[in-house]
Amino acid sequence: MRPGRIEDVLTGAGFREIDVTPVTEDTHWGKDAADAVDFFLSRTPDRTVPDETRAAMREALLPYETERGVLLRAGVWVVTAHA
């Protein structure tokens, strides 16, 4: 959702002094690409994933491996408002 839409919804709900601040950070998803794949897939434990898919996921995550593990950029909006 874009900041203007957030402000519109909150204003319509009676909030005021609305502030929407973007925050972007690196997030840690695993010690290496294979570990990150396991983490992603653990979020849907009843799902069977073919080995070819696991390999493709690992390959896609390899560019994000660092000495600190697999790091992916993530962004959120921090929203404050007064009722």
N, C-alpha and C. Protein backbone atom coordinates (compact mmCIF):
# COMPACT_ATOMS: atom_id res chain seq x y z
N MET A 1 0.85 -1.17 0.00
CA MET A 1 0.00 0.00 0.00
C MET A 1 0.90 1.24 0.00
N ARG A 2 0.55 2.21 -0.79
CA ARG A 2 1.35 3.44 -0.87
C ARG A 2 1.02 4.37 0.29
N PRO A 3 1.95 5.24 0.68
CA PRO A 3 1.74 6.13 1.83
C PRO A 3 0.48 6.99 1.72
N GLY A 4 0.19 7.50 0.53
CA GLY A 4 -1.02 8.32 0.36
C GLY A 4 -2.29 7.55 0.69
N ARG A 5 -2.32 6.30 0.31
CA ARG A 5 -3.49 5.46 0.59
C ARG A 5 -3.61 5.20 2.09
N ILE A 6 -2.48 4.95 2.74
CA ILE A 6 -2.48 4.75 4.19
C ILE A 6 -3.05 5.99 4.87
N GLU A 7 -2.58 7.16 4.46
CA GLU A 7 -3.06 8.42 5.04
C GLU A 7 -4.55 8.60 4.80
N ASP A 8 -5.02 8.29 3.59
CA ASP A 8 -6.44 8.41 3.27
C ASP A 8 -7.30 7.51 4.16
N VAL A 9 -6.87 6.27 4.33
CA VAL A 9 -7.63 5.32 5.16
C VAL A 9 -7.66 5.78 6.61
N LEU A 10 -6.51 6.18 7.14
CA LEU A 10 -6.46 6.60 8.53
C LEU A 10 -7.23 7.90 8.77
N THR A 11 -7.12 8.83 7.83
CA THR A 11 -7.89 10.08 7.94
C THR A 11 -9.38 9.76 7.94
N GLY A 12 -9.81 8.88 7.04
CA GLY A 12 -11.21 8.48 6.97
C GLY A 12 -11.69 7.80 8.24
N ALA A 13 -10.77 7.18 8.97
CA ALA A 13 -11.12 6.51 10.22
C ALA A 13 -11.03 7.44 11.42
N GLY A 14 -10.72 8.72 11.15
CA GLY A 14 -10.70 9.70 12.23
C GLY A 14 -9.34 9.97 12.85
N PHE A 15 -8.28 9.45 12.28
CA PHE A 15 -6.95 9.71 12.82
C PHE A 15 -6.40 11.02 12.29
N ARG A 16 -5.46 11.60 13.02
CA ARG A 16 -4.82 12.85 12.62
C ARG A 16 -3.33 12.76 12.91
N GLU A 17 -2.60 13.76 12.48
CA GLU A 17 -1.14 13.79 12.66
C GLU A 17 -0.52 12.46 12.22
N ILE A 18 -0.83 12.10 11.02
CA ILE A 18 -0.38 10.82 10.46
C ILE A 18 1.02 10.99 9.87
N ASP A 19 1.89 10.08 10.23
CA ASP A 19 3.25 10.08 9.69
C ASP A 19 3.56 8.68 9.16
N VAL A 20 4.03 8.63 7.92
CA VAL A 20 4.39 7.36 7.29
C VAL A 20 5.87 7.43 6.91
N THR A 21 6.68 6.58 7.53
CA THR A 21 8.12 6.60 7.32
C THR A 21 8.58 5.27 6.74
N PRO A 22 9.26 5.29 5.58
CA PRO A 22 9.77 4.04 5.04
C PRO A 22 11.02 3.58 5.80
N VAL A 23 11.11 2.28 6.02
CA VAL A 23 12.30 1.69 6.65
C VAL A 23 12.72 0.51 5.79
N THR A 24 13.97 0.49 5.37
CA THR A 24 14.51 -0.59 4.56
C THR A 24 15.77 -1.12 5.25
N GLU A 25 15.83 -2.43 5.43
CA GLU A 25 16.96 -3.06 6.10
C GLU A 25 17.29 -4.40 5.45
N ASP A 26 18.51 -4.86 5.66
CA ASP A 26 18.87 -6.22 5.28
C ASP A 26 18.26 -7.17 6.32
N THR A 27 17.68 -8.27 5.86
CA THR A 27 17.13 -9.27 6.76
C THR A 27 17.85 -10.60 6.54
N HIS A 28 18.04 -11.34 7.61
CA HIS A 28 18.80 -12.59 7.59
C HIS A 28 17.85 -13.76 7.39
N TRP A 29 18.11 -14.59 6.37
CA TRP A 29 17.21 -15.70 6.03
C TRP A 29 17.85 -17.07 6.20
N GLY A 30 19.13 -17.13 6.47
CA GLY A 30 19.78 -18.43 6.68
C GLY A 30 21.28 -18.28 6.64
N LYS A 31 21.99 -19.33 7.08
CA LYS A 31 23.45 -19.26 7.12
C LYS A 31 24.07 -19.35 5.73
N ASP A 32 23.33 -19.99 4.80
CA ASP A 32 23.74 -20.07 3.39
C ASP A 32 22.49 -20.28 2.55
N ALA A 33 22.65 -20.40 1.24
CA ALA A 33 21.49 -20.49 0.35
C ALA A 33 20.64 -21.73 0.65
N ALA A 34 21.27 -22.86 0.91
CA ALA A 34 20.52 -24.09 1.20
C ALA A 34 19.72 -23.94 2.49
N ASP A 35 20.31 -23.32 3.49
CA ASP A 35 19.63 -23.08 4.76
C ASP A 35 18.44 -22.12 4.56
N ALA A 36 18.62 -21.11 3.73
CA ALA A 36 17.54 -20.17 3.44
C ALA A 36 16.38 -20.87 2.74
N VAL A 37 16.68 -21.78 1.82
CA VAL A 37 15.63 -22.56 1.15
C VAL A 37 14.86 -23.36 2.19
N ASP A 38 15.56 -24.02 3.09
CA ASP A 38 14.90 -24.80 4.14
C ASP A 38 13.99 -23.90 4.98
N PHE A 39 14.48 -22.70 5.30
CA PHE A 39 13.67 -21.78 6.09
C PHE A 39 12.40 -21.38 5.33
N PHE A 40 12.56 -20.96 4.07
CA PHE A 40 11.39 -20.59 3.27
C PHE A 40 10.38 -21.73 3.22
N LEU A 41 10.85 -22.93 2.97
CA LEU A 41 9.95 -24.06 2.81
C LEU A 41 9.35 -24.51 4.14
N SER A 42 9.99 -24.20 5.25
CA SER A 42 9.45 -24.56 6.56
C SER A 42 8.19 -23.77 6.87
N ARG A 43 7.95 -22.69 6.15
CA ARG A 43 6.77 -21.85 6.37
C ARG A 43 5.49 -22.53 5.88
N THR A 44 5.64 -23.56 5.05
CA THR A 44 4.49 -24.37 4.58
C THR A 44 4.86 -25.83 4.73
N PRO A 45 4.86 -26.34 5.97
CA PRO A 45 5.41 -27.67 6.25
C PRO A 45 4.69 -28.83 5.58
N ASP A 46 3.44 -28.68 5.19
CA ASP A 46 2.70 -29.79 4.58
C ASP A 46 2.90 -29.86 3.08
N ARG A 47 3.73 -29.00 2.55
CA ARG A 47 3.92 -28.93 1.10
C ARG A 47 5.15 -29.72 0.67
N THR A 48 5.00 -30.55 -0.36
CA THR A 48 6.13 -31.28 -0.92
C THR A 48 6.68 -30.48 -2.09
N VAL A 49 7.98 -30.26 -2.07
CA VAL A 49 8.63 -29.47 -3.12
C VAL A 49 9.64 -30.36 -3.84
N PRO A 50 9.53 -30.46 -5.17
CA PRO A 50 10.47 -31.30 -5.92
C PRO A 50 11.91 -30.82 -5.76
N ASP A 51 12.84 -31.76 -5.88
CA ASP A 51 14.27 -31.43 -5.76
C ASP A 51 14.69 -30.36 -6.77
N GLU A 52 14.11 -30.40 -7.97
CA GLU A 52 14.46 -29.40 -9.00
C GLU A 52 14.07 -27.99 -8.54
N THR A 53 12.95 -27.89 -7.86
CA THR A 53 12.50 -26.59 -7.36
C THR A 53 13.42 -26.11 -6.25
N ARG A 54 13.79 -27.02 -5.34
CA ARG A 54 14.73 -26.67 -4.27
C ARG A 54 16.05 -26.18 -4.87
N ALA A 55 16.53 -26.86 -5.89
CA ALA A 55 17.79 -26.48 -6.53
C ALA A 55 17.67 -25.11 -7.18
N ALA A 56 16.54 -24.84 -7.83
CA ALA A 56 16.33 -23.53 -8.46
C ALA A 56 16.25 -22.43 -7.41
N MET A 57 15.61 -22.71 -6.30
CA MET A 57 15.53 -21.72 -5.22
C MET A 57 16.92 -21.43 -4.66
N ARG A 58 17.69 -22.49 -4.43
CA ARG A 58 19.05 -22.31 -3.91
C ARG A 58 19.87 -21.46 -4.87
N GLU A 59 19.77 -21.77 -6.16
CA GLU A 59 20.51 -21.02 -7.18
C GLU A 59 20.11 -19.53 -7.17
N ALA A 60 18.81 -19.27 -6.99
CA ALA A 60 18.32 -17.88 -6.96
C ALA A 60 18.82 -17.13 -5.73
N LEU A 61 19.09 -17.84 -4.64
CA LEU A 61 19.54 -17.19 -3.41
C LEU A 61 21.06 -17.06 -3.31
N LEU A 62 21.79 -17.76 -4.14
CA LEU A 62 23.27 -17.71 -4.08
C LEU A 62 23.83 -16.29 -4.16
N PRO A 63 23.31 -15.40 -5.01
CA PRO A 63 23.88 -14.04 -5.07
C PRO A 63 23.72 -13.25 -3.77
N TYR A 64 22.88 -13.73 -2.87
CA TYR A 64 22.62 -13.01 -1.62
C TYR A 64 23.39 -13.58 -0.44
N GLU A 65 24.21 -14.60 -0.70
CA GLU A 65 25.06 -15.14 0.37
C GLU A 65 26.18 -14.15 0.70
N THR A 66 26.38 -13.95 1.98
CA THR A 66 27.48 -13.11 2.46
C THR A 66 28.17 -13.87 3.59
N GLU A 67 29.22 -13.31 4.13
CA GLU A 67 29.89 -13.94 5.28
C GLU A 67 28.97 -13.95 6.50
N ARG A 68 27.92 -13.12 6.50
CA ARG A 68 26.95 -13.09 7.61
C ARG A 68 25.72 -13.95 7.33
N GLY A 69 25.68 -14.61 6.20
CA GLY A 69 24.54 -15.45 5.83
C GLY A 69 23.82 -14.86 4.63
N VAL A 70 22.63 -15.38 4.34
CA VAL A 70 21.82 -14.89 3.23
C VAL A 70 21.07 -13.64 3.70
N LEU A 71 21.36 -12.51 3.04
CA LEU A 71 20.74 -11.24 3.41
C LEU A 71 19.88 -10.74 2.25
N LEU A 72 18.62 -10.44 2.54
CA LEU A 72 17.70 -9.89 1.55
C LEU A 72 17.17 -8.55 2.08
N ARG A 73 17.04 -7.58 1.19
CA ARG A 73 16.48 -6.28 1.57
C ARG A 73 14.98 -6.43 1.81
N ALA A 74 14.51 -5.79 2.85
CA ALA A 74 13.08 -5.79 3.16
C ALA A 74 12.67 -4.37 3.53
N GLY A 75 11.46 -4.02 3.18
CA GLY A 75 10.97 -2.68 3.48
C GLY A 75 9.60 -2.72 4.13
N VAL A 76 9.39 -1.80 5.03
CA VAL A 76 8.10 -1.64 5.70
C VAL A 76 7.82 -0.14 5.84
N TRP A 77 6.59 0.18 6.14
CA TRP A 77 6.20 1.54 6.49
C TRP A 77 5.99 1.55 8.00
N VAL A 78 6.61 2.49 8.69
CA VAL A 78 6.31 2.71 10.11
C VAL A 78 5.29 3.84 10.14
N VAL A 79 4.11 3.53 10.67
CA VAL A 79 3.00 4.49 10.66
C VAL A 79 2.66 4.89 12.08
N THR A 80 2.60 6.19 12.31
CA THR A 80 2.12 6.71 13.59
C THR A 80 0.97 7.66 13.31
N ALA A 81 0.03 7.71 14.24
CA ALA A 81 -1.13 8.59 14.10
C ALA A 81 -1.78 8.76 15.47
N HIS A 82 -2.57 9.81 15.57
CA HIS A 82 -3.30 10.08 16.83
C HIS A 82 -4.79 9.98 16.58
N ALA A 83 -5.48 9.40 17.54
CA ALA A 83 -6.94 9.25 17.42
C ALA A 83 -7.63 10.54 17.83
